[in-house]
Amino acid sequence: MEAAGGGGGAAGGIALHDFSGQLGEQRVHFHAMRLRDSLFLWVGAAPALASLAVAMCSPRDSIPVAASLLGDPSDTASSCLAQRLASKTKKQIFVSYNLQNTDSNFTLLIENRIKEEMTAFPEKF
């Protein structure tokens, strides 16, 4: 797995970070946009915005609340990833997961690649 060059600094409180990885047979690209109190994360192999979900922690529940904002609501890849990342970061997380492969083992590889990047570049997330 390799990190591609990340984008800009904290201009206006927004930090952009692009990276990619070879996960199994597929090259996956990631685009992270850190906002003041939230994170937008795009995951895909080709430019598309087919789904969008949001998740955030709730003081009344140990599991973050998630909602599908765009795309097929029966496709839970975006919302599940957003929930797991919200739980880890305690931030509001927007996720757009744009890959055909939604197998749980593959999405675990996706999540692990994101966590690697979060550990290496915490200021970008």
Protein backbone atom coordinates (compact mmCIF):
# COMPACT_ATOMS: atom_id res chain seq x y z
CA MET A 1 0.00 0.00 0.00
CA GLU A 2 1.25 3.46 -0.77
CA ALA A 3 0.23 6.94 0.13
CA ALA A 4 -0.20 9.28 -2.79
CA GLY A 5 0.69 12.92 -2.32
CA GLY A 6 -1.72 14.63 0.04
CA GLY A 7 -3.30 17.96 -0.69
CA GLY A 8 -3.15 21.29 1.08
CA GLY A 9 -2.88 22.65 4.52
CA ALA A 10 -5.45 24.13 6.82
CA ALA A 11 -6.56 27.04 4.63
CA GLY A 12 -9.69 28.43 6.23
CA GLY A 13 -9.76 25.54 8.71
CA ILE A 14 -10.14 22.97 5.92
CA ALA A 15 -7.47 20.34 5.32
CA LEU A 16 -7.46 18.15 2.21
CA HIS A 17 -5.67 14.83 2.00
CA ASP A 18 -5.57 12.36 -0.90
CA PHE A 19 -4.14 8.86 -0.66
CA SER A 20 -4.56 5.48 -2.32
CA GLY A 21 -3.83 1.83 -1.80
CA GLN A 22 -3.78 -1.47 -3.64
CA LEU A 23 -6.38 -3.53 -1.78
CA GLY A 24 -6.45 -7.03 -3.14
CA GLU A 25 -6.85 -6.76 -6.90
CA GLN A 26 -8.20 -3.22 -6.86
CA ARG A 27 -6.56 0.21 -6.67
CA VAL A 28 -8.66 2.34 -4.31
CA HIS A 29 -8.44 6.12 -4.00
CA PHE A 30 -9.36 8.16 -0.94
CA HIS A 31 -10.08 11.87 -0.56
CA ALA A 32 -10.39 13.28 2.95
CA MET A 33 -11.59 16.80 3.71
CA ARG A 34 -11.26 17.78 7.35
CA LEU A 35 -13.65 20.54 8.33
CA ARG A 36 -13.84 22.27 11.71
CA ASP A 37 -15.76 19.57 13.59
CA SER A 38 -16.37 16.98 10.89
CA LEU A 39 -14.75 14.90 8.19
CA PHE A 40 -15.83 14.17 4.62
CA LEU A 41 -14.32 10.99 3.20
CA TRP A 42 -14.69 9.84 -0.40
CA VAL A 43 -13.68 6.27 -1.34
CA GLY A 44 -13.67 4.97 -4.91
CA ALA A 45 -11.86 3.74 -7.99
CA ALA A 46 -13.30 6.26 -10.49
CA PRO A 47 -14.77 9.76 -10.13
CA ALA A 48 -18.35 9.28 -8.91
CA LEU A 49 -20.61 10.31 -6.06
CA ALA A 50 -23.12 7.49 -6.01
CA SER A 51 -23.74 7.41 -2.28
CA LEU A 52 -23.39 9.65 0.75
CA ALA A 53 -24.04 8.91 4.41
CA VAL A 54 -23.50 10.78 7.65
CA ALA A 55 -22.87 9.48 11.16
CA MET A 56 -22.33 11.15 14.50
CA CYS A 57 -22.05 10.18 18.13
CA SER A 58 -25.05 10.62 20.37
CA PRO A 59 -24.92 11.15 24.13
CA ARG A 60 -27.86 8.76 24.50
CA ASP A 61 -26.42 5.80 22.59
CA SER A 62 -23.05 4.05 22.46
CA ILE A 63 -23.43 3.40 18.72
CA PRO A 64 -23.24 6.47 16.46
CA VAL A 65 -26.41 7.47 14.64
CA ALA A 66 -26.20 7.16 10.84
CA ALA A 67 -28.35 8.19 7.89
CA SER A 68 -28.13 7.70 4.15
CA LEU A 69 -28.28 11.06 2.35
CA LEU A 70 -27.75 10.04 -1.27
CA GLY A 71 -28.02 6.81 -3.21
CA ASP A 72 -29.69 3.48 -2.59
CA PRO A 73 -30.65 3.30 1.12
CA SER A 74 -30.36 -0.51 1.06
CA ASP A 75 -26.63 -0.15 0.28
CA THR A 76 -25.23 0.29 3.78
CA ALA A 77 -21.49 0.43 2.97
CA SER A 78 -21.29 4.23 3.34
CA SER A 79 -23.34 4.42 6.54
CA CYS A 80 -21.56 1.47 8.20
CA LEU A 81 -18.14 2.94 7.45
CA ALA A 82 -19.30 6.36 8.64
CA GLN A 83 -20.55 4.82 11.91
CA ARG A 84 -17.28 3.04 12.60
CA LEU A 85 -15.22 6.15 11.85
CA ALA A 86 -17.51 8.38 13.95
CA SER A 87 -17.06 5.97 16.84
CA LYS A 88 -13.28 6.14 16.45
CA THR A 89 -12.93 9.91 15.93
CA LYS A 90 -15.94 11.22 17.93
CA LYS A 91 -16.61 13.57 14.98
CA GLN A 92 -19.46 13.95 12.52
CA ILE A 93 -18.40 11.85 9.52
CA PHE A 94 -19.68 12.05 5.94
CA VAL A 95 -18.74 9.04 3.79
CA SER A 96 -19.20 8.45 0.09
CA TYR A 97 -18.33 4.80 -0.67
CA ASN A 98 -18.23 4.34 -4.45
CA LEU A 99 -17.00 0.79 -5.01
CA GLN A 100 -18.89 -2.23 -6.30
CA ASN A 101 -17.25 -4.52 -3.76
CA THR A 102 -19.16 -4.26 -0.47
CA ASP A 103 -17.94 -7.61 0.91
CA SER A 104 -17.28 -7.29 4.65
CA ASN A 105 -13.66 -8.50 4.30
CA PHE A 106 -12.99 -5.89 1.61
CA THR A 107 -14.62 -3.07 3.60
CA LEU A 108 -12.43 -4.09 6.55
CA LEU A 109 -9.38 -3.59 4.29
CA ILE A 110 -10.77 -0.16 3.37
CA GLU A 111 -11.27 0.76 7.02
CA ASN A 112 -7.80 -0.46 7.97
CA ARG A 113 -6.23 1.59 5.16
CA ILE A 114 -8.04 4.69 6.43
CA LYS A 115 -6.91 4.03 10.01
CA GLU A 116 -3.30 3.62 8.82
CA GLU A 117 -3.50 7.02 7.17
CA MET A 118 -5.14 8.56 10.26
CA THR A 119 -2.26 7.29 12.37
CA ALA A 120 0.39 8.55 9.94
CA PHE A 121 -1.24 11.98 9.36
CA PRO A 122 -3.49 12.78 12.34
CA GLU A 123 -3.51 16.51 11.51
CA LYS A 124 -5.31 15.73 8.22
CA PHE A 125 -8.24 14.05 9.98
